[in-house]
Amino acid sequence: MLGEMLNKVRETTPLVHNITNYVTVNDVANVLLACGGSPIMSDEPQDVEDITSICGGLNINIGTLNIRSIEGMKLAGKKAAELGHAILLDPVGAGASALRTNTAVSLMEEIPFSVIRGNISEIKTLASGSGTTKGVDADVADAVTEENLDEAVAFAKAFAEKANCVVAITGAIDLVSDGKSCYVIRNGRPEMGKITGTGCQLSGMMTAYITANPEHMLEAAAAAVCVMGLAGEIGFSRMQDGDGNSTYRNRIIDAIYNMDAKTLEEGAKYELR
């Protein structure tokens, strides 16, 4: 099933409008191209409605907010919703500042998101309106572990049902839920945390997956998570003496570019709860 999600992206080349942060915008574009999608970047309020109208999906990432981009996010989100497009929210750093938290909550209230993807602290912040996010990294106390997995799965399901969308909580163990079922995914490498923006890249790629597979939002989101984690494993296995995090970033993107359905099906490590 996950391989079918990948093939559909390759077959349809979904055009994705990204309002993302300027730290990772280039990598997001490259990952979208690598997975088989096509990226457009625009956050100018006078431009976003036209741009999102010609796309199939919208990726909103709040990593580097300003008043102009917030206006662009809301205009694009409402236009995308009007057109029935797939829409993803990446609430980067929600809980780290009032502006980030309030913006994420406001976006949720005004835009019907198809998927919300973040780390556990960011998602807990959206669920409660406050949190202890440290920068853009998950608070260690909130990490999903084997010991608290049952509680975390229950939380993911409850929040997905409340938000009426698919929720993807990413970390050492990834959870993807639509409120009824939950994929528990164990792909990836801890070294991926040494690269800025693997989460942002995943959000861009996930938007392509849900755009290409509108009838299978849960499976598409889970497939994207598995692709990114598996690419991290493949990329790390190809590291050589003298390579560092810059090379690792490129090897991950290359692994996504070369990923096929068979590799994904054989390498995906998940259970459905």
Foldseek 3Di string as FASTA:
>chain_A
DLQVLLVLLQVPQFEEEEAEDPVCPVLLQLLSVLSRHHYDYDQALVPQLVVLVVGQEYEYECQDDDPRSLNSLLNNQVSNVVVVHAYEYELFPQQVDLVSLVSVLVCLVRHLHQEYEAAQQNLVCNVPVHGDDDHRDRDPVRDQDPVCPVVVQQVLLVSLVVSQHWYWHDDCWIWIYNNPKIKTWRFADPLVVVAPDLRVSLSSNLRSSCSSPVVCSRSSSLSSVLLQRNLLVQLVVPDDPPDDDVSSSVSSSNSSNPDHSVSSVVRTDIDMD
